[in-house]
Every structure is written in C-alpha cells, then in structure tokens.
Amino acid sequence: MDWNDDKPTPPGPVAPIIVGEPLGACSIADLEARIEALTQEIERVAAELRAKRAHEVAAAALFKR
C-alpha cells in the first residue's frame, strides 16, 4: 500500500471550454462542471452588460439637451 493512495488528487488545470465541441466523451461530472462554468460566465457577462447599459443611460442623460 502506498501512503499516497488515500490522498485526493488535486484538480489539474481546467481545460478551456470550446463552444460546439463534441460532448459524447464527457462524463456526467464533466458535463455538470461545464454547465456550472458556463453559468458563471453568463452571469459575469450579464453583469458587465448591465453596467455598460447603465453607463450609457447616464451618459445620455448628461448630454441630453
């Protein structure tokens, strides 16, 4: 028995998500992790979009005659 057998393996580098890539070889855990990563990215992009729209509205109000 090796002492390292009981230690959990640290996660390796996360592979980049490529939109449109085949998913047939992915495990259920891989697919769930992919959904979580994409959901977080969607939320991040949506927050940036809201901030830019608010900035646009504020600028329009400032320069409106």
C-alpha atoms as a PDB file:
ATOM      1  CA  MET A   1       0.000   0.000   0.000  1.00  0.00           C
ATOM      2  CA  ASP A   2       1.264   3.431  -0.931  1.00  0.00           C
ATOM      3  CA  TRP A   3       0.652   6.297   1.512  1.00  0.00           C
ATOM      4  CA  ASN A   4      -0.484   8.491  -1.340  1.00  0.00           C
ATOM      5  CA  ASP A   5      -3.375   6.171  -2.221  1.00  0.00           C
ATOM      6  CA  ASP A   6      -5.648   7.756   0.396  1.00  0.00           C
ATOM      7  CA  LYS A   7      -4.902  11.347  -0.591  1.00  0.00           C
ATOM      8  CA  PRO A   8      -7.303  13.009  -3.003  1.00  0.00           C
ATOM      9  CA  THR A   9      -5.638  14.072  -6.194  1.00  0.00           C
ATOM     10  CA  PRO A  10      -5.594  17.833  -6.672  1.00  0.00           C
ATOM     11  CA  PRO A  11      -7.535  19.054  -9.656  1.00  0.00           C
ATOM     12  CA  GLY A  12      -5.414  19.628 -12.699  1.00  0.00           C
ATOM     13  CA  PRO A  13      -5.604  22.642 -14.957  1.00  0.00           C
ATOM     14  CA  VAL A  14      -9.087  23.194 -16.276  1.00  0.00           C
ATOM     15  CA  ALA A  15      -9.370  22.623 -19.993  1.00  0.00           C
ATOM     16  CA  PRO A  16     -10.827  25.576 -21.859  1.00  0.00           C
ATOM     17  CA  ILE A  17     -14.407  25.216 -22.974  1.00  0.00           C
ATOM     18  CA  ILE A  18     -14.780  25.240 -26.722  1.00  0.00           C
ATOM     19  CA  VAL A  19     -18.278  26.030 -27.932  1.00  0.00           C
ATOM     20  CA  GLY A  20     -19.563  23.396 -30.329  1.00  0.00           C
ATOM     21  CA  GLU A  21     -17.068  20.692 -29.408  1.00  0.00           C
ATOM     22  CA  PRO A  22     -18.397  17.116 -29.277  1.00  0.00           C
ATOM     23  CA  LEU A  23     -19.615  16.162 -25.807  1.00  0.00           C
ATOM     24  CA  GLY A  24     -20.028  12.407 -26.262  1.00  0.00           C
ATOM     25  CA  ALA A  25     -16.800  11.532 -24.450  1.00  0.00           C
ATOM     26  CA  CYS A  26     -17.585  13.729 -21.420  1.00  0.00           C
ATOM     27  CA  SER A  27     -18.687  12.154 -18.160  1.00  0.00           C
ATOM     28  CA  ILE A  28     -21.733  13.309 -16.237  1.00  0.00           C
ATOM     29  CA  ALA A  29     -19.426  15.105 -13.780  1.00  0.00           C
ATOM     30  CA  ASP A  30     -17.628  16.800 -16.682  1.00  0.00           C
ATOM     31  CA  LEU A  31     -20.916  17.969 -18.162  1.00  0.00           C
ATOM     32  CA  GLU A  32     -22.141  19.274 -14.805  1.00  0.00           C
ATOM     33  CA  ALA A  33     -18.859  21.143 -14.288  1.00  0.00           C
ATOM     34  CA  ARG A  34     -19.160  22.565 -17.799  1.00  0.00           C
ATOM     35  CA  ILE A  35     -22.700  23.802 -17.111  1.00  0.00           C
ATOM     36  CA  GLU A  36     -21.549  25.413 -13.854  1.00  0.00           C
ATOM     37  CA  ALA A  37     -18.604  27.148 -15.542  1.00  0.00           C
ATOM     38  CA  LEU A  38     -20.774  28.395 -18.402  1.00  0.00           C
ATOM     39  CA  THR A  39     -23.480  29.592 -15.991  1.00  0.00           C
ATOM     40  CA  GLN A  40     -20.911  31.596 -14.045  1.00  0.00           C
ATOM     41  CA  GLU A  41     -19.577  33.075 -17.275  1.00  0.00           C
ATOM     42  CA  ILE A  42     -23.086  34.021 -18.415  1.00  0.00           C
ATOM     43  CA  GLU A  43     -23.683  35.771 -15.079  1.00  0.00           C
ATOM     44  CA  ARG A  44     -20.346  37.614 -15.377  1.00  0.00           C
ATOM     45  CA  VAL A  45     -21.110  38.777 -18.920  1.00  0.00           C
ATOM     46  CA  ALA A  46     -24.662  39.789 -17.971  1.00  0.00           C
ATOM     47  CA  ALA A  47     -23.339  41.900 -15.077  1.00  0.00           C
ATOM     48  CA  GLU A  48     -20.899  43.666 -17.397  1.00  0.00           C
ATOM     49  CA  LEU A  49     -23.699  44.290 -19.906  1.00  0.00           C
ATOM     50  CA  ARG A  50     -25.909  45.798 -17.185  1.00  0.00           C
ATOM     51  CA  ALA A  51     -23.068  48.064 -16.078  1.00  0.00           C
ATOM     52  CA  LYS A  52     -22.408  49.244 -19.643  1.00  0.00           C
ATOM     53  CA  ARG A  53     -26.099  49.905 -20.260  1.00  0.00           C
ATOM     54  CA  ALA A  54     -26.342  51.903 -17.031  1.00  0.00           C
ATOM     55  CA  HIS A  55     -23.286  53.907 -18.070  1.00  0.00           C
ATOM     56  CA  GLU A  56     -24.845  54.533 -21.485  1.00  0.00           C
ATOM     57  CA  VAL A  57     -28.106  55.749 -19.910  1.00  0.00           C
ATOM     58  CA  ALA A  58     -26.194  58.037 -17.522  1.00  0.00           C
ATOM     59  CA  ALA A  59     -24.149  59.484 -20.387  1.00  0.00           C
ATOM     60  CA  ALA A  60     -27.255  60.041 -22.476  1.00  0.00           C
ATOM     61  CA  ALA A  61     -28.939  61.854 -19.587  1.00  0.00           C
ATOM     62  CA  LEU A  62     -25.878  64.007 -19.035  1.00  0.00           C
ATOM     63  CA  PHE A  63     -25.557  65.090 -22.664  1.00  0.00           C
ATOM     64  CA  LYS A  64     -29.267  65.364 -23.402  1.00  0.00           C
ATOM     65  CA  ARG A  65     -30.348  68.869 -24.340  1.00  0.00           C
END
